[in-house]
C-alpha atoms as a PDB file:
ATOM      1  CA  MET A   1    -123.460-152.807  85.298  1.00  0.00           C
ATOM      2  CA  PRO A   2    -124.254-156.228  87.037  1.00  0.00           C
ATOM      3  CA  GLY A   3    -123.091-159.650  85.758  1.00  0.00           C
ATOM      4  CA  THR A   4    -119.668-160.712  84.038  1.00  0.00           C
ATOM      5  CA  THR A   5    -118.035-160.416  81.130  1.00  0.00           C
ATOM      6  CA  SER A   6    -117.195-163.309  78.527  1.00  0.00           C
ATOM      7  CA  ALA A   7    -113.963-163.895  80.743  1.00  0.00           C
ATOM      8  CA  GLY A   8    -115.727-164.020  83.777  1.00  0.00           C
ATOM      9  CA  PHE A   9    -114.712-160.862  85.529  1.00  0.00           C
ATOM     10  CA  GLU A  10    -116.979-158.360  86.908  1.00  0.00           C
ATOM     11  CA  ARG A  11    -118.168-156.017  84.856  1.00  0.00           C
ATOM     12  CA  GLY A  12    -116.509-152.312  85.558  1.00  0.00           C
ATOM     13  CA  PHE A  13    -118.975-149.884  84.068  1.00  0.00           C
ATOM     14  CA  ALA A  14    -121.491-149.682  81.555  1.00  0.00           C
ATOM     15  CA  GLY A  15    -119.072-148.812  78.549  1.00  0.00           C
ATOM     16  CA  TYR A  16    -116.812-152.148  79.500  1.00  0.00           C
ATOM     17  CA  GLU A  17    -117.533-153.954  76.086  1.00  0.00           C
ATOM     18  CA  TRP A  18    -118.058-151.468  73.829  1.00  0.00           C
ATOM     19  CA  ASN A  19    -113.960-149.762  75.130  1.00  0.00           C
ATOM     20  CA  ARG A  20    -112.485-153.791  75.003  1.00  0.00           C
ATOM     21  CA  ALA A  21    -113.904-153.883  71.614  1.00  0.00           C
ATOM     22  CA  THR A  22    -112.758-150.631  70.337  1.00  0.00           C
ATOM     23  CA  ALA A  23    -109.192-151.065  71.520  1.00  0.00           C
ATOM     24  CA  PRO A  24    -106.550-149.046  69.575  1.00  0.00           C
ATOM     25  CA  ASP A  25    -104.401-151.002  67.255  1.00  0.00           C
ATOM     26  CA  SER A  26    -100.287-150.762  67.639  1.00  0.00           C
ATOM     27  CA  ALA A  27    -100.329-148.194  64.930  1.00  0.00           C
ATOM     28  CA  ASN A  28    -102.954-145.869  66.778  1.00  0.00           C
ATOM     29  CA  THR A  29    -100.987-146.569  70.387  1.00  0.00           C
ATOM     30  CA  MET A  30     -97.619-146.100  69.126  1.00  0.00           C
ATOM     31  CA  SER A  31     -98.804-143.142  67.040  1.00  0.00           C
ATOM     32  CA  ALA A  32    -100.427-141.839  70.143  1.00  0.00           C
ATOM     33  CA  LYS A  33     -97.189-141.843  72.106  1.00  0.00           C
ATOM     34  CA  MET A  34     -95.253-140.516  69.289  1.00  0.00           C
ATOM     35  CA  THR A  35     -97.448-137.637  68.407  1.00  0.00           C
ATOM     36  CA  GLY A  36     -99.365-136.885  72.106  1.00  0.00           C
ATOM     37  CA  GLU A  37    -102.425-137.230  69.779  1.00  0.00           C
ATOM     38  CA  LYS A  38    -104.589-140.196  69.563  1.00  0.00           C
ATOM     39  CA  SER A  39    -106.033-140.672  66.290  1.00  0.00           C
ATOM     40  CA  TYR A  40    -107.816-144.075  64.493  1.00  0.00           C
ATOM     41  CA  ASN A  41    -106.611-147.293  63.949  1.00  0.00           C
ATOM     42  CA  ASN A  42    -104.329-147.929  61.232  1.00  0.00           C
ATOM     43  CA  ALA A  43    -102.998-144.354  61.729  1.00  0.00           C
ATOM     44  CA  ILE A  44     -99.521-143.865  61.381  1.00  0.00           C
ATOM     45  CA  ASN A  45     -98.322-140.354  63.198  1.00  0.00           C
ATOM     46  CA  VAL A  46    -101.702-138.548  61.152  1.00  0.00           C
ATOM     47  CA  ASP A  47    -104.516-137.181  62.840  1.00  0.00           C
ATOM     48  CA  GLY A  48    -108.325-137.850  61.960  1.00  0.00           C
ATOM     49  CA  ASN A  49    -107.809-136.035  58.611  1.00  0.00           C
ATOM     50  CA  GLY A  50    -104.729-137.477  57.794  1.00  0.00           C
ATOM     51  CA  THR A  51    -102.991-134.519  58.379  1.00  0.00           C
ATOM     52  CA  ALA A  52     -99.426-135.450  59.517  1.00  0.00           C
ATOM     53  CA  LEU A  53     -98.619-134.877  63.459  1.00  0.00           C
ATOM     54  CA  LEU A  54     -94.995-133.523  64.365  1.00  0.00           C
ATOM     55  CA  SER A  55     -93.567-136.879  65.828  1.00  0.00           C
ATOM     56  CA  LEU A  56     -90.542-137.159  69.130  1.00  0.00           C
ATOM     57  CA  ALA A  57     -88.431-138.665  66.126  1.00  0.00           C
ATOM     58  CA  GLU A  58     -88.684-135.264  64.238  1.00  0.00           C
ATOM     59  CA  VAL A  59     -88.564-133.586  67.666  1.00  0.00           C
ATOM     60  CA  VAL A  60     -85.527-135.348  68.526  1.00  0.00           C
ATOM     61  CA  HIS A  61     -83.551-134.716  65.406  1.00  0.00           C
ATOM     62  CA  GLN A  62     -84.748-131.212  64.451  1.00  0.00           C
ATOM     63  CA  GLY A  63     -83.010-130.573  68.407  1.00  0.00           C
ATOM     64  CA  GLY A  64     -79.550-132.185  66.643  1.00  0.00           C
ATOM     65  CA  LYS A  65     -79.742-135.794  68.390  1.00  0.00           C
ATOM     66  CA  ALA A  66     -79.338-138.616  66.708  1.00  0.00           C
ATOM     67  CA  THR A  67     -82.618-140.718  66.091  1.00  0.00           C
ATOM     68  CA  GLY A  68     -83.173-144.662  64.949  1.00  0.00           C
ATOM     69  CA  VAL A  69     -85.572-147.695  65.178  1.00  0.00           C
ATOM     70  CA  VAL A  70     -84.450-150.851  65.665  1.00  0.00           C
ATOM     71  CA  SER A  71     -86.723-153.528  65.168  1.00  0.00           C
ATOM     72  CA  THR A  72     -87.654-157.384  65.460  1.00  0.00           C
ATOM     73  CA  VAL A  73     -90.200-156.897  62.569  1.00  0.00           C
ATOM     74  CA  GLN A  74     -90.382-155.087  59.314  1.00  0.00           C
ATOM     75  CA  ILE A  75     -89.316-151.556  59.845  1.00  0.00           C
ATOM     76  CA  SER A  76     -92.554-150.422  57.272  1.00  0.00           C
ATOM     77  CA  ASP A  77     -94.629-152.291  60.142  1.00  0.00           C
ATOM     78  CA  ALA A  78     -96.974-150.156  62.449  1.00  0.00           C
ATOM     79  CA  THR A  79     -94.834-149.684  65.436  1.00  0.00           C
ATOM     80  CA  PRO A  80     -91.390-149.252  63.975  1.00  0.00           C
ATOM     81  CA  ALA A  81     -92.639-147.230  61.556  1.00  0.00           C
ATOM     82  CA  ALA A  82     -94.606-145.082  64.049  1.00  0.00           C
ATOM     83  CA  GLY A  83     -91.226-144.796  66.278  1.00  0.00           C
ATOM     84  CA  GLY A  84     -89.296-143.670  63.359  1.00  0.00           C
ATOM     85  CA  GLY A  85     -91.629-140.890  62.302  1.00  0.00           C
ATOM     86  CA  ALA A  86     -93.296-142.015  59.451  1.00  0.00           C
ATOM     87  CA  HIS A  87     -96.557-140.398  58.395  1.00  0.00           C
ATOM     88  CA  ASN A  88     -99.698-142.463  56.397  1.00  0.00           C
ATOM     89  CA  VAL A  89    -103.190-142.771  56.614  1.00  0.00           C
ATOM     90  CA  SER A  90    -102.773-146.821  56.456  1.00  0.00           C
ATOM     91  CA  ARG A  91    -100.661-149.005  58.248  1.00  0.00           C
ATOM     92  CA  ALA A  92    -100.780-151.492  55.604  1.00  0.00           C
ATOM     93  CA  SER A  93     -99.055-148.754  53.199  1.00  0.00           C
ATOM     94  CA  HIS A  94     -96.098-150.486  53.532  1.00  0.00           C
ATOM     95  CA  GLY A  95     -93.794-149.693  50.486  1.00  0.00           C
ATOM     96  CA  GLU A  96     -95.113-145.768  51.085  1.00  0.00           C
ATOM     97  CA  ILE A  97     -94.115-146.224  54.846  1.00  0.00           C
ATOM     98  CA  ALA A  98     -90.826-147.972  54.104  1.00  0.00           C
ATOM     99  CA  THR A  99     -89.597-144.877  51.317  1.00  0.00           C
ATOM    100  CA  GLU A 100     -90.852-142.065  53.777  1.00  0.00           C
ATOM    101  CA  VAL A 101     -88.223-143.667  56.523  1.00  0.00           C
ATOM    102  CA  PHE A 102     -85.442-143.882  54.239  1.00  0.00           C
ATOM    103  CA  HIS A 103     -86.266-140.467  51.965  1.00  0.00           C
ATOM    104  CA  SER A 104     -87.114-138.324  55.381  1.00  0.00           C
ATOM    105  CA  GLY A 105     -83.650-137.756  56.728  1.00  0.00           C
ATOM    106  CA  VAL A 106     -85.213-138.025  60.293  1.00  0.00           C
ATOM    107  CA  LEU A 107     -83.468-141.334  60.895  1.00  0.00           C
ATOM    108  CA  ASP A 108     -79.491-141.604  61.652  1.00  0.00           C
ATOM    109  CA  VAL A 109     -80.475-145.835  62.474  1.00  0.00           C
ATOM    110  CA  ILE A 110     -82.662-147.876  60.721  1.00  0.00           C
ATOM    111  CA  ALA A 111     -82.226-152.039  61.263  1.00  0.00           C
ATOM    112  CA  GLY A 112     -85.333-154.336  60.862  1.00  0.00           C
ATOM    113  CA  THR A 113     -86.364-157.811  59.175  1.00  0.00           C
ATOM    114  CA  GLY A 114     -87.887-158.331  56.199  1.00  0.00           C
ATOM    115  CA  ASN A 115     -85.315-158.955  53.256  1.00  0.00           C
ATOM    116  CA  PRO A 116     -87.402-159.456  50.198  1.00  0.00           C
ATOM    117  CA  ASP A 117     -84.815-162.327  49.033  1.00  0.00           C
ATOM    118  CA  VAL A 118     -85.647-164.618  51.749  1.00  0.00           C
ATOM    119  CA  ASN A 119     -88.453-166.466  53.116  1.00  0.00           C
ATOM    120  CA  ASP A 120     -89.543-166.889  56.419  1.00  0.00           C
ATOM    121  CA  ASN A 121     -87.614-169.819  57.295  1.00  0.00           C
ATOM    122  CA  GLY A 122     -84.516-167.968  56.372  1.00  0.00           C
ATOM    123  CA  GLN A 123     -83.814-169.465  52.884  1.00  0.00           C
ATOM    124  CA  PRO A 124     -83.642-167.600  49.510  1.00  0.00           C
ATOM    125  CA  ALA A 125     -86.951-166.591  48.338  1.00  0.00           C
ATOM    126  CA  THR A 126     -88.322-168.638  44.908  1.00  0.00           C
ATOM    127  CA  ALA A 127     -89.497-165.001  44.177  1.00  0.00           C
ATOM    128  CA  ALA A 128     -88.218-161.670  45.567  1.00  0.00           C
ATOM    129  CA  ASN A 129     -91.594-160.477  47.816  1.00  0.00           C
ATOM    130  CA  TYR A 130     -91.514-156.799  48.117  1.00  0.00           C
ATOM    131  CA  ASP A 131     -94.798-156.100  50.284  1.00  0.00           C
ATOM    132  CA  TRP A 132     -92.396-154.607  52.971  1.00  0.00           C
ATOM    133  CA  ILE A 133     -90.336-152.236  50.928  1.00  0.00           C
ATOM    134  CA  GLY A 134     -90.732-151.204  47.397  1.00  0.00           C
ATOM    135  CA  GLN A 135     -88.293-153.111  44.774  1.00  0.00           C
ATOM    136  CA  ASP A 136     -85.870-149.994  43.963  1.00  0.00           C
ATOM    137  CA  LEU A 137     -85.531-149.272  47.440  1.00  0.00           C
ATOM    138  CA  TRP A 138     -84.567-152.383  48.184  1.00  0.00           C
ATOM    139  CA  ASN A 139     -82.270-152.773  45.022  1.00  0.00           C
ATOM    140  CA  SER A 140     -80.520-149.469  45.583  1.00  0.00           C
ATOM    141  CA  LEU A 141     -79.924-149.762  49.471  1.00  0.00           C
ATOM    142  CA  LYS A 142     -78.918-153.738  48.746  1.00  0.00           C
ATOM    143  CA  ALA A 143     -75.804-152.599  45.649  1.00  0.00           C
ATOM    144  CA  GLY A 144     -75.252-150.010  48.483  1.00  0.00           C
ATOM    145  CA  THR A 145     -75.973-146.804  45.865  1.00  0.00           C
ATOM    146  CA  TYR A 146     -79.100-145.739  48.109  1.00  0.00           C
ATOM    147  CA  LYS A 147     -79.023-142.080  48.625  1.00  0.00           C
ATOM    148  CA  SER A 148     -81.171-139.916  50.500  1.00  0.00           C
ATOM    149  CA  PRO A 149     -82.633-136.784  49.180  1.00  0.00           C
ATOM    150  CA  ASP A 150     -80.399-134.734  51.624  1.00  0.00           C
ATOM    151  CA  GLY A 151     -77.662-136.773  50.094  1.00  0.00           C
ATOM    152  CA  LEU A 152     -76.203-137.826  52.982  1.00  0.00           C
ATOM    153  CA  GLY A 153     -77.752-141.665  53.673  1.00  0.00           C
END
């Protein structure tokens, strides 16, 4: 394809602009790495119909190995959620994703940011922010009373 891209590079093939404009997001990318199947942007370990796909974390857990996610972002953000074996049709469903991460019993270690009681400057928040984790889940974790459905965590 003659000419150059908007960045000044030679065009490599006719579909370059389409490919560049439709690059997968981190949810789709991490999910593809964890399941072996490409889906759609915003998908967390689900196929195009929203059906859960078996993730690497689940396979490893089923094999009796320890699994975990340690992240510098909120545990319910797309990349750690997909790496942790969560399943959701929308990466924006943070509360649902956090609940699944904790309730599924797949992960032995879960660590990330997003304390609802602290603001982005590390100061006590004037009002708790439950965008990344639900209030009930957070309060039970904070109080040390959380029990996973299997009773182990």
